Protein backbone atom coordinates (compact mmCIF):
# COMPACT_ATOMS: atom_id res chain seq x y z
CA LEU A 1 -85.46 -44.09 -92.65
CA ARG A 2 -82.12 -44.49 -90.86
CA ARG A 3 -81.19 -47.53 -92.96
CA LYS A 4 -81.98 -45.56 -96.12
CA GLU A 5 -79.75 -42.67 -94.99
CA ASP A 6 -76.93 -45.09 -94.13
CA LYS A 7 -77.23 -46.69 -97.56
CA LYS A 8 -77.02 -43.30 -99.27
CA LEU A 9 -74.01 -42.35 -97.18
CA HIS A 10 -72.16 -45.56 -97.98
CA GLN A 11 -72.97 -45.39 -101.69
CA ARG A 12 -71.24 -42.02 -102.02
CA ARG A 13 -67.71 -43.26 -102.59
CA ASP A 14 -66.67 -40.91 -105.37
CA ASP A 15 -64.38 -38.93 -103.09
CA CYS A 16 -63.65 -41.55 -100.39
CA GLU A 17 -64.07 -38.90 -97.71
CA THR A 18 -65.06 -40.16 -94.28
CA PRO A 19 -68.29 -38.67 -92.92
CA PHE A 20 -66.76 -37.20 -89.76
CA HIS A 21 -67.19 -33.63 -88.59
CA LYS A 22 -63.44 -33.25 -88.03
CA VAL A 23 -60.40 -35.16 -89.20
CA LEU A 24 -57.49 -35.63 -86.79
CA HIS A 25 -53.95 -36.85 -87.40
CA GLN A 26 -52.78 -39.06 -84.54
CA GLU A 27 -48.99 -38.84 -84.40
CA ARG A 28 -46.57 -41.20 -82.72
CA HIS A 29 -42.78 -41.00 -82.57
CA PRO A 30 -41.66 -42.47 -85.92
CA LEU A 31 -39.07 -44.84 -84.40
CA ARG A 32 -41.73 -46.31 -82.09
CA THR A 33 -44.11 -46.72 -85.03
CA ILE A 34 -41.44 -48.47 -87.09
CA GLU A 35 -40.72 -50.80 -84.15
CA SER A 36 -44.39 -51.67 -83.93
CA LEU A 37 -44.68 -52.40 -87.64
CA VAL A 38 -41.52 -54.53 -87.61
CA ALA A 39 -42.84 -56.52 -84.64
CA LYS A 40 -46.18 -57.12 -86.37
CA PHE A 41 -45.24 -57.54 -90.02
CA CYS A 42 -41.78 -59.16 -90.10
CA ILE A 43 -41.94 -62.92 -90.46
CA GLY A 44 -39.07 -64.32 -88.41
CA GLY A 45 -38.21 -61.12 -86.54
CA ILE A 46 -36.26 -58.02 -87.50
CA GLN A 47 -34.06 -59.94 -89.97
CA GLY A 48 -37.10 -61.69 -91.46
CA ASN A 49 -39.27 -61.15 -94.50
CA VAL A 50 -42.12 -58.69 -94.79
CA GLN A 51 -45.60 -60.21 -94.66
CA PRO A 52 -47.12 -60.28 -98.15
CA SER A 53 -50.26 -58.40 -97.03
CA PHE A 54 -48.13 -55.47 -95.86
CA LEU A 55 -46.24 -55.44 -99.17
CA VAL A 56 -49.47 -55.32 -101.18
CA PHE A 57 -50.82 -52.50 -99.01
CA ALA A 58 -47.62 -50.42 -98.96
CA ASN A 59 -46.91 -50.86 -102.68
CA ALA A 60 -50.49 -49.83 -103.52
CA LEU A 61 -50.37 -46.69 -101.39
CA PHE A 62 -46.86 -45.60 -102.30
CA PRO A 63 -45.93 -47.01 -105.72
CA GLN A 64 -42.84 -44.78 -105.95
CA HIS A 65 -41.16 -47.41 -103.75
CA ASN A 66 -40.72 -51.11 -104.35
CA PHE A 67 -41.26 -52.37 -100.81
CA SER A 68 -40.68 -55.94 -102.03
CA GLU A 69 -37.00 -55.09 -102.54
CA MET A 70 -36.53 -53.77 -98.99
CA SER A 71 -35.61 -55.29 -95.68
CA CYS A 72 -38.46 -55.38 -93.19
CA THR A 73 -37.08 -52.41 -91.24
CA GLU A 74 -36.70 -50.41 -94.46
CA ALA A 75 -40.22 -51.28 -95.63
CA ALA A 76 -41.68 -50.19 -92.30
CA GLY A 77 -39.50 -47.06 -92.25
CA TYR A 78 -40.31 -45.86 -95.75
CA TYR A 79 -44.00 -46.59 -95.15
CA VAL A 80 -44.00 -44.50 -91.94
CA TYR A 81 -42.14 -41.72 -93.76
CA GLU A 82 -44.50 -41.61 -96.74
CA TYR A 83 -47.70 -41.97 -94.73
CA ASN A 84 -46.85 -39.22 -92.26
CA ASN A 85 -45.62 -36.89 -95.00
CA ALA A 86 -48.92 -37.43 -96.81
CA MET A 87 -50.70 -36.45 -93.57
CA LEU A 88 -48.50 -33.36 -93.16
CA LYS A 89 -49.30 -32.35 -96.74
CA ALA A 90 -53.02 -32.88 -96.08
CA ARG A 91 -52.72 -30.61 -93.04
CA GLU A 92 -51.08 -27.92 -95.18
CA LEU A 93 -53.98 -28.21 -97.63
CA GLY A 94 -56.53 -27.86 -94.83
CA ARG A 95 -57.84 -31.42 -95.13
CA ILE A 96 -56.91 -32.29 -91.55
CA ASP A 97 -58.43 -30.18 -88.81
CA ASP A 98 -56.01 -30.91 -85.98
CA HIS A 99 -53.26 -33.26 -84.84
CA PHE A 100 -51.97 -34.65 -81.57
CA GLN A 101 -49.03 -36.64 -80.29
CA VAL A 102 -50.43 -39.81 -78.77
CA GLU A 103 -47.71 -39.84 -76.10
CA GLU A 104 -48.77 -36.42 -74.79
CA ALA A 105 -52.54 -36.22 -75.35
CA THR A 106 -55.36 -36.78 -72.89
CA PRO A 107 -58.69 -38.28 -73.98
CA CYS A 108 -60.38 -34.95 -73.21
CA GLN A 109 -57.91 -33.01 -75.37
CA ILE A 110 -58.62 -35.40 -78.23
CA ALA A 111 -62.39 -35.16 -77.67
CA GLU A 112 -62.15 -31.37 -77.80
CA ALA A 113 -60.00 -31.41 -80.97
CA ALA A 114 -62.51 -33.81 -82.57
CA GLY A 115 -65.36 -31.43 -81.82
CA PHE A 116 -67.09 -33.69 -79.30
CA LEU A 117 -67.64 -30.69 -77.01
CA GLU A 118 -69.41 -28.68 -79.72
CA SER A 119 -73.19 -28.81 -79.74
CA ASP A 120 -73.63 -29.36 -83.47
CA SER A 121 -71.16 -32.16 -84.10
CA VAL A 122 -72.18 -35.01 -81.80
CA TYR A 123 -75.35 -36.76 -80.72
CA ASN A 124 -76.42 -34.75 -77.65
CA PRO A 125 -76.51 -37.61 -75.09
CA SER A 126 -72.98 -38.58 -76.17
CA ARG A 127 -71.82 -34.97 -75.94
CA ASP A 128 -73.32 -34.70 -72.45
CA ARG A 129 -71.37 -37.78 -71.32
CA VAL A 130 -68.12 -36.40 -72.74
CA LEU A 131 -68.71 -33.01 -71.10
CA LYS A 132 -69.43 -34.69 -67.77
CA VAL A 133 -66.29 -36.81 -67.89
CA CYS A 134 -64.03 -33.99 -69.09
CA ASN A 135 -65.35 -31.11 -67.01
CA SER A 136 -66.87 -32.33 -63.77
CA GLN A 137 -64.31 -34.88 -62.58
CA GLY A 138 -61.41 -32.45 -62.44
CA SER A 139 -57.89 -32.82 -63.66
CA ASP A 140 -57.34 -36.01 -61.65
CA SER A 141 -59.74 -38.09 -63.73
CA ALA A 142 -58.34 -40.65 -66.16
CA ALA A 143 -59.91 -38.69 -69.02
CA ASN A 144 -57.68 -35.73 -68.18
CA GLN A 145 -54.49 -37.78 -67.85
CA VAL A 146 -52.04 -38.62 -70.62
CA MET A 147 -52.95 -42.02 -72.01
CA LYS A 148 -50.74 -44.92 -71.08
CA SER A 149 -51.18 -48.07 -73.10
CA THR A 150 -51.65 -51.14 -70.94
CA GLU A 151 -53.17 -53.42 -73.58
CA ASN A 152 -52.12 -54.67 -76.99
CA ARG A 153 -48.46 -54.86 -76.04
CA TYR A 154 -47.50 -56.92 -79.07
CA ASN A 155 -43.99 -55.47 -79.21
CA THR A 156 -43.11 -55.92 -75.54
CA GLY A 157 -39.38 -56.63 -75.65
CA LEU A 158 -39.36 -57.78 -79.30
CA VAL A 159 -37.97 -54.81 -81.23
CA SER A 160 -36.12 -51.73 -80.02
CA LEU A 161 -34.70 -49.48 -82.72
CA HIS A 162 -32.20 -46.66 -82.58
CA TRP A 163 -31.08 -44.25 -85.30
CA GLY A 164 -28.18 -46.50 -86.32
CA ASP A 165 -30.62 -49.32 -87.11
CA LEU A 166 -31.95 -47.25 -90.03
CA LEU A 167 -28.60 -47.25 -91.87
CA GLY A 168 -28.06 -49.33 -95.00
CA GLY A 169 -26.57 -52.77 -94.45
CA LYS A 170 -28.41 -53.32 -91.14
CA HIS A 171 -31.02 -55.98 -90.40
CA GLY A 172 -31.09 -57.52 -93.86
CA SER A 173 -30.80 -54.27 -95.81
CA ARG A 174 -29.53 -54.66 -99.38
CA LYS A 175 -28.42 -51.03 -99.45
CA LYS A 176 -24.77 -50.08 -99.27
CA ALA A 177 -23.49 -50.33 -95.69
CA GLY A 178 -23.87 -46.97 -94.01
CA ASP A 179 -26.41 -45.58 -96.51
CA GLU A 180 -28.16 -42.76 -94.63
CA ASP A 181 -31.22 -42.13 -96.81
CA LEU A 182 -33.84 -43.73 -94.55
CA GLN A 183 -32.21 -42.43 -91.37
CA LYS A 184 -32.17 -38.85 -92.71
CA ARG A 185 -35.78 -39.05 -93.86
CA ILE A 186 -37.01 -40.40 -90.52
CA ARG A 187 -35.00 -37.82 -88.55
CA ARG A 188 -36.50 -35.03 -90.67
CA LEU A 189 -40.00 -36.48 -90.26
CA THR A 190 -39.46 -36.80 -86.51
CA GLN A 191 -38.59 -33.11 -86.30
CA ASN A 192 -41.50 -32.12 -88.57
CA LEU A 193 -43.87 -33.96 -86.21
CA GLY A 194 -42.43 -32.01 -83.26
CA TYR A 195 -40.39 -34.78 -81.66
CA ASP A 196 -36.75 -34.73 -80.60
CA ALA A 197 -34.67 -36.39 -83.31
CA LYS A 198 -31.51 -36.97 -81.27
């Protein structure tokens, strides 16, 4: 019976909606996200070319841009801008239930936002484990501490961006030197996500 239900669930692709009880938007400071994308998708470093797979993906999602014409930093920056603005719009439309800044959230806060503490949204044994971890171990438990990434440090020391790095003419940009379009967009996005944009 379970296999039949799974098959039905996966056949219903007309709206592409994920079958989760709640939808969360995980936010990260836009400059840090751009750094990460540059480290992972720039062939030859920050001055290098964008990986073809990223170009296909970004161009398909946001066809109003031609990511193939951009420097790697610009491609990552415009992608971060468009993706997060799409998420902000989805929040306005009520399609996202909650959001959190990954730098400030604890696992228990995320579990609560996701509905894992509600009786009707999670398999009961899983809910009981989450409740136990979040409630009975006190505020000193790892589940009640802000998450610190200790794994998957792909960008350790590779790319560090500042606001000036988003200006035209930098890092292989073909835009006019000093063009502020990307910088202004990312600063505005940073503020809209609740981060300091200084």
